[in-house]
């Protein structure tokens, strides 16, 4: 292994900057607001932030194919997402919901021959 395989110093500087920025953002909520009672609307907004971010990451993977909206190709993914959401809302929990969603998706893909 040579020194070139570890990347450039600019890359490591960017990683360090991102790490420090992430720490500062998290510490601003966890460290500085610890023990502080937040207003109910802000508390509710913070509770909904994680599902909103997750949805923003997952929905494009479900409905886009090569950057284009094409539900003719992506319908098994959309059906699996809906089944997963219904199961998660009904029973709760993450692991079994994930298995149900994966089983639904792969079952549909096998069924249509993809």
PDB file of N, CA and C in Angstrom:
ATOM      1  N   UNK A   1       0.844  -1.166   0.000  1.00  0.00           N
ATOM      2  CA  UNK A   1       0.000   0.000   0.000  1.00  0.00           C
ATOM      3  C   UNK A   1       0.893   1.234   0.000  1.00  0.00           C
ATOM      4  N   UNK A   2       0.636   2.145  -0.927  1.00  0.00           N
ATOM      5  CA  UNK A   2       1.439   3.353  -0.983  1.00  0.00           C
ATOM      6  C   UNK A   2       0.616   4.547  -0.493  1.00  0.00           C
ATOM      7  N   UNK A   3       1.275   5.682  -0.375  1.00  0.00           N
ATOM      8  CA  UNK A   3       0.609   6.869   0.169  1.00  0.00           C
ATOM      9  C   UNK A   3      -0.474   7.400  -0.765  1.00  0.00           C
ATOM     10  N   UNK A   4      -0.383   7.120  -2.051  1.00  0.00           N
ATOM     11  CA  UNK A   4      -1.389   7.603  -2.999  1.00  0.00           C
ATOM     12  C   UNK A   4      -2.732   6.909  -2.800  1.00  0.00           C
ATOM     13  N   UNK A   5      -2.719   5.711  -2.214  1.00  0.00           N
ATOM     14  CA  UNK A   5      -3.974   4.991  -2.030  1.00  0.00           C
ATOM     15  C   UNK A   5      -4.823   5.576  -0.907  1.00  0.00           C
ATOM     16  N   UNK A   6      -4.272   6.499  -0.126  1.00  0.00           N
ATOM     17  CA  UNK A   6      -5.023   7.124   0.952  1.00  0.00           C
ATOM     18  C   UNK A   6      -5.697   8.414   0.517  1.00  0.00           C
ATOM     19  N   UNK A   7      -5.551   8.839  -0.719  1.00  0.00           N
ATOM     20  CA  UNK A   7      -6.184  10.047  -1.223  1.00  0.00           C
ATOM     21  C   UNK A   7      -5.317  11.275  -1.014  1.00  0.00           C
ATOM     22  N   UNK A   8      -5.851  12.394  -1.428  1.00  0.00           N
ATOM     23  CA  UNK A   8      -5.111  13.648  -1.334  1.00  0.00           C
ATOM     24  C   UNK A   8      -5.392  14.329  -0.001  1.00  0.00           C
ATOM     25  N   UNK A   9      -4.553  15.303   0.340  1.00  0.00           N
ATOM     26  CA  UNK A   9      -4.764  16.016   1.595  1.00  0.00           C
ATOM     27  C   UNK A   9      -6.020  16.878   1.519  1.00  0.00           C
ATOM     28  N   UNK A  10      -6.398  17.306   0.316  1.00  0.00           N
ATOM     29  CA  UNK A  10      -7.631  18.086   0.179  1.00  0.00           C
ATOM     30  C   UNK A  10      -8.858  17.223   0.479  1.00  0.00           C
ATOM     31  N   UNK A  11      -8.807  15.977   0.055  1.00  0.00           N
ATOM     32  CA  UNK A  11      -9.908  15.056   0.355  1.00  0.00           C
ATOM     33  C   UNK A  11     -10.053  14.826   1.847  1.00  0.00           C
ATOM     34  N   UNK A  12      -8.909  14.625   2.516  1.00  0.00           N
ATOM     35  CA  UNK A  12      -8.954  14.411   3.966  1.00  0.00           C
ATOM     36  C   UNK A  12      -9.380  15.673   4.703  1.00  0.00           C
ATOM     37  N   UNK A  13      -9.002  16.825   4.179  1.00  0.00           N
ATOM     38  CA  UNK A  13      -9.444  18.087   4.775  1.00  0.00           C
ATOM     39  C   UNK A  13     -10.964  18.246   4.632  1.00  0.00           C
ATOM     40  N   UNK A  14     -11.503  17.850   3.489  1.00  0.00           N
ATOM     41  CA  UNK A  14     -12.952  17.902   3.288  1.00  0.00           C
ATOM     42  C   UNK A  14     -13.663  16.952   4.244  1.00  0.00           C
ATOM     43  N   UNK A  15     -13.135  15.751   4.427  1.00  0.00           N
ATOM     44  CA  UNK A  15     -13.728  14.785   5.355  1.00  0.00           C
ATOM     45  C   UNK A  15     -13.694  15.325   6.774  1.00  0.00           C
ATOM     46  N   UNK A  16     -12.580  15.895   7.173  1.00  0.00           N
ATOM     47  CA  UNK A  16     -12.469  16.480   8.512  1.00  0.00           C
ATOM     48  C   UNK A  16     -13.457  17.627   8.700  1.00  0.00           C
ATOM     49  N   UNK A  17     -13.579  18.489   7.689  1.00  0.00           N
ATOM     50  CA  UNK A  17     -14.532  19.601   7.766  1.00  0.00           C
ATOM     51  C   UNK A  17     -15.965  19.120   7.874  1.00  0.00           C
ATOM     52  N   UNK A  18     -16.312  18.091   7.099  1.00  0.00           N
ATOM     53  CA  UNK A  18     -17.659  17.529   7.179  1.00  0.00           C
ATOM     54  C   UNK A  18     -17.916  16.882   8.534  1.00  0.00           C
ATOM     55  N   UNK A  19     -16.920  16.206   9.074  1.00  0.00           N
ATOM     56  CA  UNK A  19     -17.072  15.582  10.386  1.00  0.00           C
ATOM     57  C   UNK A  19     -17.288  16.635  11.469  1.00  0.00           C
ATOM     58  N   UNK A  20     -16.499  17.700  11.429  1.00  0.00           N
ATOM     59  CA  UNK A  20     -16.657  18.765  12.423  1.00  0.00           C
ATOM     60  C   UNK A  20     -17.993  19.478  12.261  1.00  0.00           C
ATOM     61  N   UNK A  21     -18.409  19.707  11.027  1.00  0.00           N
ATOM     62  CA  UNK A  21     -19.706  20.338  10.787  1.00  0.00           C
ATOM     63  C   UNK A  21     -20.860  19.484  11.280  1.00  0.00           C
ATOM     64  N   UNK A  22     -20.790  18.181  11.028  1.00  0.00           N
ATOM     65  CA  UNK A  22     -21.829  17.269  11.506  1.00  0.00           C
ATOM     66  C   UNK A  22     -21.879  17.252  13.022  1.00  0.00           C
ATOM     67  N   UNK A  23     -20.705  17.207  13.652  1.00  0.00           N
ATOM     68  CA  UNK A  23     -20.661  17.232  15.113  1.00  0.00           C
ATOM     69  C   UNK A  23     -21.275  18.521  15.649  1.00  0.00           C
ATOM     70  N   UNK A  24     -20.937  19.650  15.044  1.00  0.00           N
ATOM     71  CA  UNK A  24     -21.462  20.939  15.507  1.00  0.00           C
ATOM     72  C   UNK A  24     -22.981  21.012  15.375  1.00  0.00           C
ATOM     73  N   UNK A  25     -23.512  20.504  14.268  1.00  0.00           N
ATOM     74  CA  UNK A  25     -24.963  20.518  14.075  1.00  0.00           C
ATOM     75  C   UNK A  25     -25.646  19.641  15.114  1.00  0.00           C
ATOM     76  N   UNK A  26     -25.122  18.450  15.333  1.00  0.00           N
ATOM     77  CA  UNK A  26     -25.738  17.549  16.312  1.00  0.00           C
ATOM     78  C   UNK A  26     -25.588  18.091  17.730  1.00  0.00           C
ATOM     79  N   UNK A  27     -24.429  18.627  18.039  1.00  0.00           N
ATOM     80  CA  UNK A  27     -24.209  19.150  19.385  1.00  0.00           C
ATOM     81  C   UNK A  27     -25.115  20.341  19.663  1.00  0.00           C
ATOM     82  N   UNK A  28     -25.426  21.114  18.639  1.00  0.00           N
ATOM     83  CA  UNK A  28     -26.287  22.275  18.847  1.00  0.00           C
ATOM     84  C   UNK A  28     -27.655  21.856  19.356  1.00  0.00           C
ATOM     85  N   UNK A  29     -28.146  20.711  18.939  1.00  0.00           N
ATOM     86  CA  UNK A  29     -29.438  20.242  19.446  1.00  0.00           C
ATOM     87  C   UNK A  29     -29.290  19.410  20.709  1.00  0.00           C
ATOM     88  N   UNK A  30     -28.329  18.511  20.724  1.00  0.00           N
ATOM     89  CA  UNK A  30     -28.207  17.585  21.845  1.00  0.00           C
ATOM     90  C   UNK A  30     -27.557  18.252  23.049  1.00  0.00           C
ATOM     91  N   UNK A  31     -26.441  18.914  22.842  1.00  0.00           N
ATOM     92  CA  UNK A  31     -25.700  19.482  23.963  1.00  0.00           C
ATOM     93  C   UNK A  31     -26.252  20.793  24.474  1.00  0.00           C
ATOM     94  N   UNK A  32     -26.566  21.689  23.576  1.00  0.00           N
ATOM     95  CA  UNK A  32     -26.981  23.020  24.001  1.00  0.00           C
ATOM     96  C   UNK A  32     -28.441  23.080  24.441  1.00  0.00           C
ATOM     97  N   UNK A  33     -29.280  22.184  23.927  1.00  0.00           N
ATOM     98  CA  UNK A  33     -30.688  22.201  24.285  1.00  0.00           C
ATOM     99  C   UNK A  33     -31.066  21.143  25.321  1.00  0.00           C
ATOM    100  N   UNK A  34     -30.067  20.435  25.864  1.00  0.00           N
ATOM    101  CA  UNK A  34     -30.349  19.401  26.857  1.00  0.00           C
ATOM    102  C   UNK A  34     -31.009  20.018  28.081  1.00  0.00           C
ATOM    103  N   UNK A  35     -32.105  19.428  28.494  1.00  0.00           N
ATOM    104  CA  UNK A  35     -32.814  19.905  29.674  1.00  0.00           C
ATOM    105  C   UNK A  35     -33.704  21.101  29.418  1.00  0.00           C
ATOM    106  N   UNK A  36     -33.755  21.576  28.193  1.00  0.00           N
ATOM    107  CA  UNK A  36     -34.578  22.731  27.849  1.00  0.00           C
ATOM    108  C   UNK A  36     -35.925  22.233  27.331  1.00  0.00           C
ATOM    109  N   UNK A  37     -36.986  22.849  27.792  1.00  0.00           N
ATOM    110  CA  UNK A  37     -38.329  22.503  27.300  1.00  0.00           C
ATOM    111  C   UNK A  37     -38.589  23.287  26.016  1.00  0.00           C
ATOM    112  N   UNK A  38     -38.791  22.568  24.929  1.00  0.00           N
ATOM    113  CA  UNK A  38     -39.039  23.191  23.633  1.00  0.00           C
ATOM    114  C   UNK A  38     -40.531  23.465  23.466  1.00  0.00           C
ATOM    115  N   UNK A  39     -40.876  24.471  22.688  1.00  0.00           N
ATOM    116  CA  UNK A  39     -42.289  24.708  22.393  1.00  0.00           C
ATOM    117  C   UNK A  39     -42.884  23.491  21.673  1.00  0.00           C
ATOM    118  N   UNK A  40     -44.132  23.134  21.955  1.00  0.00           N
ATOM    119  CA  UNK A  40     -44.733  21.941  21.337  1.00  0.00           C
ATOM    120  C   UNK A  40     -44.671  21.903  19.808  1.00  0.00           C
ATOM    121  N   UNK A  41     -44.885  23.020  19.088  1.00  0.00           N
ATOM    122  CA  UNK A  41     -44.780  22.918  17.618  1.00  0.00           C
ATOM    123  C   UNK A  41     -43.367  22.551  17.147  1.00  0.00           C
ATOM    124  N   UNK A  42     -42.349  23.079  17.796  1.00  0.00           N
ATOM    125  CA  UNK A  42     -40.973  22.754  17.419  1.00  0.00           C
ATOM    126  C   UNK A  42     -40.651  21.307  17.775  1.00  0.00           C
ATOM    127  N   UNK A  43     -41.140  20.858  18.915  1.00  0.00           N
ATOM    128  CA  UNK A  43     -40.917  19.466  19.317  1.00  0.00           C
ATOM    129  C   UNK A  43     -41.552  18.512  18.314  1.00  0.00           C
ATOM    130  N   UNK A  44     -42.753  18.827  17.864  1.00  0.00           N
ATOM    131  CA  UNK A  44     -43.444  17.988  16.877  1.00  0.00           C
ATOM    132  C   UNK A  44     -42.697  18.012  15.541  1.00  0.00           C
ATOM    133  N   UNK A  45     -42.212  19.179  15.141  1.00  0.00           N
ATOM    134  CA  UNK A  45     -41.462  19.289  13.888  1.00  0.00           C
ATOM    135  C   UNK A  45     -40.179  18.456  13.941  1.00  0.00           C
ATOM    136  N   UNK A  46     -39.497  18.464  15.069  1.00  0.00           N
ATOM    137  CA  UNK A  46     -38.277  17.670  15.201  1.00  0.00           C
ATOM    138  C   UNK A  46     -38.576  16.173  15.177  1.00  0.00           C
ATOM    139  N   UNK A  47     -39.735  15.774  15.712  1.00  0.00           N
ATOM    140  CA  UNK A  47     -40.109  14.364  15.665  1.00  0.00           C
ATOM    141  C   UNK A  47     -40.384  13.912  14.233  1.00  0.00           C
ATOM    142  N   UNK A  48     -40.884  14.820  13.404  1.00  0.00           N
ATOM    143  CA  UNK A  48     -41.224  14.468  12.028  1.00  0.00           C
ATOM    144  C   UNK A  48     -40.065  14.652  11.055  1.00  0.00           C
ATOM    145  N   UNK A  49     -38.952  15.189  11.506  1.00  0.00           N
ATOM    146  CA  UNK A  49     -37.821  15.446  10.621  1.00  0.00           C
ATOM    147  C   UNK A  49     -37.217  14.154  10.078  1.00  0.00           C
ATOM    148  N   UNK A  50     -37.030  13.157  10.919  1.00  0.00           N
ATOM    149  CA  UNK A  50     -36.396  11.915  10.468  1.00  0.00           C
ATOM    150  C   UNK A  50     -37.248  11.193   9.426  1.00  0.00           C
ATOM    151  N   UNK A  51     -38.564  10.994   9.659  1.00  0.00           N
ATOM    152  CA  UNK A  51     -39.350  10.359   8.595  1.00  0.00           C
ATOM    153  C   UNK A  51     -39.378  11.177   7.307  1.00  0.00           C
ATOM    154  N   UNK A  52     -39.382  12.490   7.409  1.00  0.00           N
ATOM    155  CA  UNK A  52     -39.399  13.326   6.202  1.00  0.00           C
ATOM    156  C   UNK A  52     -38.095  13.180   5.421  1.00  0.00           C
ATOM    157  N   UNK A  53     -36.980  13.154   6.111  1.00  0.00           N
ATOM    158  CA  UNK A  53     -35.684  12.981   5.446  1.00  0.00           C
ATOM    159  C   UNK A  53     -35.600  11.603   4.809  1.00  0.00           C
ATOM    160  N   UNK A  54     -36.069  10.584   5.532  1.00  0.00           N
ATOM    161  CA  UNK A  54     -36.050   9.224   4.994  1.00  0.00           C
ATOM    162  C   UNK A  54     -36.916   9.131   3.739  1.00  0.00           C
ATOM    163  N   UNK A  55     -38.091   9.731   3.782  1.00  0.00           N
ATOM    164  CA  UNK A  55     -38.970   9.717   2.602  1.00  0.00           C
ATOM    165  C   UNK A  55     -38.324  10.445   1.432  1.00  0.00           C
ATOM    166  N   UNK A  56     -37.652  11.555   1.708  1.00  0.00           N
ATOM    167  CA  UNK A  56     -36.990  12.304   0.638  1.00  0.00           C
ATOM    168  C   UNK A  56     -35.867  11.496  -0.004  1.00  0.00           C
ATOM    169  N   UNK A  57     -35.262  10.602   0.742  1.00  0.00           N
ATOM    170  CA  UNK A  57     -34.206   9.760   0.187  1.00  0.00           C
ATOM    171  C   UNK A  57     -34.770   8.557  -0.560  1.00  0.00           C
ATOM    172  N   UNK A  58     -35.885   8.007  -0.090  1.00  0.00           N
ATOM    173  CA  UNK A  58     -36.398   6.756  -0.633  1.00  0.00           C
ATOM    174  C   UNK A  58     -37.337   6.951  -1.824  1.00  0.00           C
ATOM    175  N   UNK A  59     -38.180   7.963  -1.799  1.00  0.00           N
ATOM    176  CA  UNK A  59     -39.186   8.134  -2.857  1.00  0.00           C
ATOM    177  C   UNK A  59     -38.552   8.227  -4.257  1.00  0.00           C
ATOM    178  N   UNK A  60     -37.473   8.992  -4.458  1.00  0.00           N
ATOM    179  CA  UNK A  60     -36.876   8.982  -5.807  1.00  0.00           C
ATOM    180  C   UNK A  60     -36.384   7.599  -6.244  1.00  0.00           C
ATOM    181  N   UNK A  61     -35.927   6.787  -5.305  1.00  0.00           N
ATOM    182  CA  UNK A  61     -35.491   5.437  -5.659  1.00  0.00           C
ATOM    183  C   UNK A  61     -36.666   4.570  -6.095  1.00  0.00           C
ATOM    184  N   UNK A  62     -37.854   4.887  -5.586  1.00  0.00           N
ATOM    185  CA  UNK A  62     -39.028   4.096  -5.906  1.00  0.00           C
ATOM    186  C   UNK A  62     -39.612   4.482  -7.261  1.00  0.00           C
ATOM    187  N   UNK A  63     -39.686   5.765  -7.559  1.00  0.00           N
ATOM    188  CA  UNK A  63     -40.441   6.209  -8.734  1.00  0.00           C
ATOM    189  C   UNK A  63     -39.584   6.565  -9.945  1.00  0.00           C
ATOM    190  N   UNK A  64     -38.286   6.674  -9.789  1.00  0.00           N
ATOM    191  CA  UNK A  64     -37.438   7.064 -10.921  1.00  0.00           C
ATOM    192  C   UNK A  64     -36.639   5.884 -11.456  1.00  0.00           C
ATOM    193  N   UNK A  65     -36.532   5.817 -12.763  1.00  0.00           N
ATOM    194  CA  UNK A  65     -35.709   4.817 -13.424  1.00  0.00           C
ATOM    195  C   UNK A  65     -34.774   5.551 -14.366  1.00  0.00           C
ATOM    196  N   UNK A  66     -33.486   5.511 -14.109  1.00  0.00           N
ATOM    197  CA  UNK A  66     -32.479   6.249 -14.883  1.00  0.00           C
ATOM    198  C   UNK A  66     -32.788   7.738 -14.929  1.00  0.00           C
ATOM    199  N   UNK A  67     -33.253   8.272 -13.804  1.00  0.00           N
ATOM    200  CA  UNK A  67     -33.531   9.689 -13.708  1.00  0.00           C
ATOM    201  C   UNK A  67     -34.848  10.126 -14.320  1.00  0.00           C
ATOM    202  N   UNK A  68     -35.623   9.198 -14.832  1.00  0.00           N
ATOM    203  CA  UNK A  68     -36.902   9.518 -15.477  1.00  0.00           C
ATOM    204  C   UNK A  68     -38.042   8.843 -14.722  1.00  0.00           C
ATOM    205  N   UNK A  69     -39.152   9.564 -14.613  1.00  0.00           N
ATOM    206  CA  UNK A  69     -40.349   9.001 -14.006  1.00  0.00           C
ATOM    207  C   UNK A  69     -40.926   7.963 -14.952  1.00  0.00           C
ATOM    208  N   UNK A  70     -40.932   6.695 -14.521  1.00  0.00           N
ATOM    209  CA  UNK A  70     -41.402   5.615 -15.380  1.00  0.00           C
ATOM    210  C   UNK A  70     -42.045   4.538 -14.511  1.00  0.00           C
ATOM    211  N   UNK A  71     -43.334   4.713 -14.220  1.00  0.00           N
ATOM    212  CA  UNK A  71     -44.013   3.752 -13.358  1.00  0.00           C
ATOM    213  C   UNK A  71     -44.286   2.431 -14.067  1.00  0.00           C
ATOM    214  N   UNK A  72     -44.174   2.386 -15.393  1.00  0.00           N
ATOM    215  CA  UNK A  72     -44.343   1.119 -16.098  1.00  0.00           C
ATOM    216  C   UNK A  72     -43.249   0.140 -15.681  1.00  0.00           C
ATOM    217  N   UNK A  73     -42.056   0.656 -15.389  1.00  0.00           N
ATOM    218  CA  UNK A  73     -40.961  -0.196 -14.939  1.00  0.00           C
ATOM    219  C   UNK A  73     -40.878  -0.303 -13.414  1.00  0.00           C
ATOM    220  N   UNK A  74     -41.349   0.731 -12.709  1.00  0.00           N
ATOM    221  CA  UNK A  74     -41.140   0.808 -11.267  1.00  0.00           C
ATOM    222  C   UNK A  74     -42.347   0.413 -10.434  1.00  0.00           C
ATOM    223  N   UNK A  75     -43.421  -0.071 -11.051  1.00  0.00           N
ATOM    224  CA  UNK A  75     -44.605  -0.381 -10.259  1.00  0.00           C
ATOM    225  C   UNK A  75     -44.360  -1.432  -9.179  1.00  0.00           C
ATOM    226  N   UNK A  76     -43.499  -2.452  -9.383  1.00  0.00           N
ATOM    227  CA  UNK A  76     -43.277  -3.385  -8.270  1.00  0.00           C
ATOM    228  C   UNK A  76     -42.660  -2.690  -7.046  1.00  0.00           C
ATOM    229  N   UNK A  77     -41.799  -1.705  -7.282  1.00  0.00           N
ATOM    230  CA  UNK A  77     -41.183  -0.975  -6.179  1.00  0.00           C
ATOM    231  C   UNK A  77     -42.220  -0.148  -5.436  1.00  0.00           C
ATOM    232  N   UNK A  78     -43.124   0.484  -6.187  1.00  0.00           N
ATOM    233  CA  UNK A  78     -44.175   1.290  -5.557  1.00  0.00           C
ATOM    234  C   UNK A  78     -45.124   0.415  -4.756  1.00  0.00           C
ATOM    235  N   UNK A  79     -45.502  -0.737  -5.302  1.00  0.00           N
ATOM    236  CA  UNK A  79     -46.392  -1.659  -4.578  1.00  0.00           C
ATOM    237  C   UNK A  79     -45.710  -2.153  -3.310  1.00  0.00           C
ATOM    238  N   UNK A  80     -44.432  -2.513  -3.402  1.00  0.00           N
ATOM    239  CA  UNK A  80     -43.696  -2.978  -2.221  1.00  0.00           C
ATOM    240  C   UNK A  80     -43.594  -1.880  -1.167  1.00  0.00           C
ATOM    241  N   UNK A  81     -43.416  -0.639  -1.597  1.00  0.00           N
ATOM    242  CA  UNK A  81     -43.343   0.475  -0.651  1.00  0.00           C
ATOM    243  C   UNK A  81     -44.673   0.670   0.056  1.00  0.00           C
ATOM    244  N   UNK A  82     -45.774   0.570  -0.675  1.00  0.00           N
ATOM    245  CA  UNK A  82     -47.104   0.727  -0.071  1.00  0.00           C
ATOM    246  C   UNK A  82     -47.379  -0.417   0.904  1.00  0.00           C
ATOM    247  N   UNK A  83     -47.070  -1.649   0.506  1.00  0.00           N
ATOM    248  CA  UNK A  83     -47.269  -2.798   1.397  1.00  0.00           C
ATOM    249  C   UNK A  83     -46.428  -2.642   2.656  1.00  0.00           C
ATOM    250  N   UNK A  84     -45.192  -2.206   2.505  1.00  0.00           N
ATOM    251  CA  UNK A  84     -44.322  -1.997   3.661  1.00  0.00           C
ATOM    252  C   UNK A  84     -44.884  -0.926   4.583  1.00  0.00           C
ATOM    253  N   UNK A  85     -45.349   0.177   4.003  1.00  0.00           N
ATOM    254  CA  UNK A  85     -45.929   1.247   4.809  1.00  0.00           C
ATOM    255  C   UNK A  85     -47.171   0.799   5.557  1.00  0.00           C
ATOM    256  N   UNK A  86     -48.030   0.047   4.889  1.00  0.00           N
ATOM    257  CA  UNK A  86     -49.240  -0.457   5.554  1.00  0.00           C
ATOM    258  C   UNK A  86     -48.870  -1.406   6.688  1.00  0.00           C
ATOM    259  N   UNK A  87     -47.927  -2.307   6.435  1.00  0.00           N
ATOM    260  CA  UNK A  87     -47.528  -3.245   7.481  1.00  0.00           C
ATOM    261  C   UNK A  87     -46.875  -2.519   8.651  1.00  0.00           C
ATOM    262  N   UNK A  88     -46.017  -1.556   8.360  1.00  0.00           N
ATOM    263  CA  UNK A  88     -45.347  -0.808   9.430  1.00  0.00           C
ATOM    264  C   UNK A  88     -46.353  -0.012  10.251  1.00  0.00           C
ATOM    265  N   UNK A  89     -47.354   0.564   9.600  1.00  0.00           N
ATOM    266  CA  UNK A  89     -48.382   1.292  10.329  1.00  0.00           C
ATOM    267  C   UNK A  89     -49.267   0.386  11.158  1.00  0.00           C
ATOM    268  N   UNK A  90     -49.485  -0.820  10.667  1.00  0.00           N
ATOM    269  CA  UNK A  90     -50.355  -1.767  11.358  1.00  0.00           C
ATOM    270  C   UNK A  90     -49.647  -2.419  12.535  1.00  0.00           C
ATOM    271  N   UNK A  91     -48.430  -2.924  12.319  1.00  0.00           N
ATOM    272  CA  UNK A  91     -47.727  -3.688  13.349  1.00  0.00           C
ATOM    273  C   UNK A  91     -46.587  -2.931  14.005  1.00  0.00           C
ATOM    274  N   UNK A  92     -46.077  -1.901  13.354  1.00  0.00           N
ATOM    275  CA  UNK A  92     -44.937  -1.183  13.913  1.00  0.00           C
ATOM    276  C   UNK A  92     -43.659  -1.982  13.757  1.00  0.00           C
ATOM    277  N   UNK A  93     -42.589  -1.435  14.252  1.00  0.00           N
ATOM    278  CA  UNK A  93     -41.310  -2.120  14.166  1.00  0.00           C
ATOM    279  C   UNK A  93     -40.655  -1.907  12.816  1.00  0.00           C
ATOM    280  N   UNK A  94     -39.360  -2.085  12.791  1.00  0.00           N
ATOM    281  CA  UNK A  94     -38.622  -1.819  11.567  1.00  0.00           C
ATOM    282  C   UNK A  94     -38.146  -3.089  10.895  1.00  0.00           C
ATOM    283  N   UNK A  95     -37.632  -4.041  11.654  1.00  0.00           N
ATOM    284  CA  UNK A  95     -37.004  -5.213  11.048  1.00  0.00           C
ATOM    285  C   UNK A  95     -38.004  -6.054  10.270  1.00  0.00           C
ATOM    286  N   UNK A  96     -39.126  -6.375  10.875  1.00  0.00           N
ATOM    287  CA  UNK A  96     -40.112  -7.207  10.183  1.00  0.00           C
ATOM    288  C   UNK A  96     -40.711  -6.446   9.011  1.00  0.00           C
ATOM    289  N   UNK A  97     -40.922  -5.141   9.168  1.00  0.00           N
ATOM    290  CA  UNK A  97     -41.425  -4.328   8.048  1.00  0.00           C
ATOM    291  C   UNK A  97     -40.453  -4.360   6.886  1.00  0.00           C
ATOM    292  N   UNK A  98     -39.172  -4.282   7.179  1.00  0.00           N
ATOM    293  CA  UNK A  98     -38.152  -4.351   6.139  1.00  0.00           C
ATOM    294  C   UNK A  98     -38.192  -5.696   5.420  1.00  0.00           C
ATOM    295  N   UNK A  99     -38.330  -6.776   6.172  1.00  0.00           N
ATOM    296  CA  UNK A  99     -38.394  -8.111   5.578  1.00  0.00           C
ATOM    297  C   UNK A  99     -39.655  -8.255   4.721  1.00  0.00           C
ATOM    298  N   UNK A 100     -40.780  -7.734   5.212  1.00  0.00           N
ATOM    299  CA  UNK A 100     -42.024  -7.781   4.435  1.00  0.00           C
ATOM    300  C   UNK A 100     -41.860  -7.012   3.125  1.00  0.00           C
ATOM    301  N   UNK A 101     -41.276  -5.820   3.192  1.00  0.00           N
ATOM    302  CA  UNK A 101     -41.066  -5.028   1.987  1.00  0.00           C
ATOM    303  C   UNK A 101     -40.131  -5.693   0.997  1.00  0.00           C
ATOM    304  N   UNK A 102     -39.028  -6.238   1.507  1.00  0.00           N
ATOM    305  CA  UNK A 102     -38.078  -6.914   0.623  1.00  0.00           C
ATOM    306  C   UNK A 102     -38.713  -8.155   0.005  1.00  0.00           C
ATOM    307  N   UNK A 103     -39.456  -8.904   0.818  1.00  0.00           N
ATOM    308  CA  UNK A 103     -40.136 -10.087   0.289  1.00  0.00           C
ATOM    309  C   UNK A 103     -41.149  -9.737  -0.781  1.00  0.00           C
ATOM    310  N   UNK A 104     -41.909  -8.654  -0.543  1.00  0.00           N
ATOM    311  CA  UNK A 104     -42.889  -8.208  -1.529  1.00  0.00           C
ATOM    312  C   UNK A 104     -42.202  -7.786  -2.821  1.00  0.00           C
ATOM    313  N   UNK A 105     -41.164  -6.974  -2.714  1.00  0.00           N
ATOM    314  CA  UNK A 105     -40.467  -6.503  -3.909  1.00  0.00           C
ATOM    315  C   UNK A 105     -39.864  -7.657  -4.701  1.00  0.00           C
ATOM    316  N   UNK A 106     -39.133  -8.517  -4.034  1.00  0.00           N
ATOM    317  CA  UNK A 106     -38.470  -9.603  -4.759  1.00  0.00           C
ATOM    318  C   UNK A 106     -39.472 -10.621  -5.282  1.00  0.00           C
ATOM    319  N   UNK A 107     -40.574 -10.821  -4.544  1.00  0.00           N
ATOM    320  CA  UNK A 107     -41.632 -11.692  -5.047  1.00  0.00           C
ATOM    321  C   UNK A 107     -42.268 -11.133  -6.309  1.00  0.00           C
ATOM    322  N   UNK A 108     -42.554  -9.829  -6.313  1.00  0.00           N
ATOM    323  CA  UNK A 108     -43.135  -9.210  -7.514  1.00  0.00           C
ATOM    324  C   UNK A 108     -42.156  -9.215  -8.682  1.00  0.00           C
ATOM    325  N   UNK A 109     -40.884  -8.924  -8.407  1.00  0.00           N
ATOM    326  CA  UNK A 109     -39.885  -8.948  -9.489  1.00  0.00           C
ATOM    327  C   UNK A 109     -39.726 -10.348 -10.058  1.00  0.00           C
ATOM    328  N   UNK A 110     -39.778 -11.359  -9.203  1.00  0.00           N
ATOM    329  CA  UNK A 110     -39.700 -12.743  -9.681  1.00  0.00           C
ATOM    330  C   UNK A 110     -40.941 -13.078 -10.513  1.00  0.00           C
ATOM    331  N   UNK A 111     -42.117 -12.615 -10.033  1.00  0.00           N
ATOM    332  CA  UNK A 111     -43.380 -12.904 -10.694  1.00  0.00           C
ATOM    333  C   UNK A 111     -43.433 -12.304 -12.107  1.00  0.00           C
ATOM    334  N   UNK A 112     -42.939 -11.070 -12.250  1.00  0.00           N
ATOM    335  CA  UNK A 112     -42.976 -10.437 -13.577  1.00  0.00           C
ATOM    336  C   UNK A 112     -41.758 -10.805 -14.427  1.00  0.00           C
ATOM    337  N   UNK A 113     -40.806 -11.506 -13.835  1.00  0.00           N
ATOM    338  CA  UNK A 113     -39.653 -11.974 -14.594  1.00  0.00           C
ATOM    339  C   UNK A 113     -38.537 -10.982 -14.777  1.00  0.00           C
ATOM    340  N   UNK A 114     -38.414 -10.019 -13.869  1.00  0.00           N
ATOM    341  CA  UNK A 114     -37.319  -9.032 -13.982  1.00  0.00           C
ATOM    342  C   UNK A 114     -36.089  -9.512 -13.262  1.00  0.00           C
TER     343      UNK A 114
END
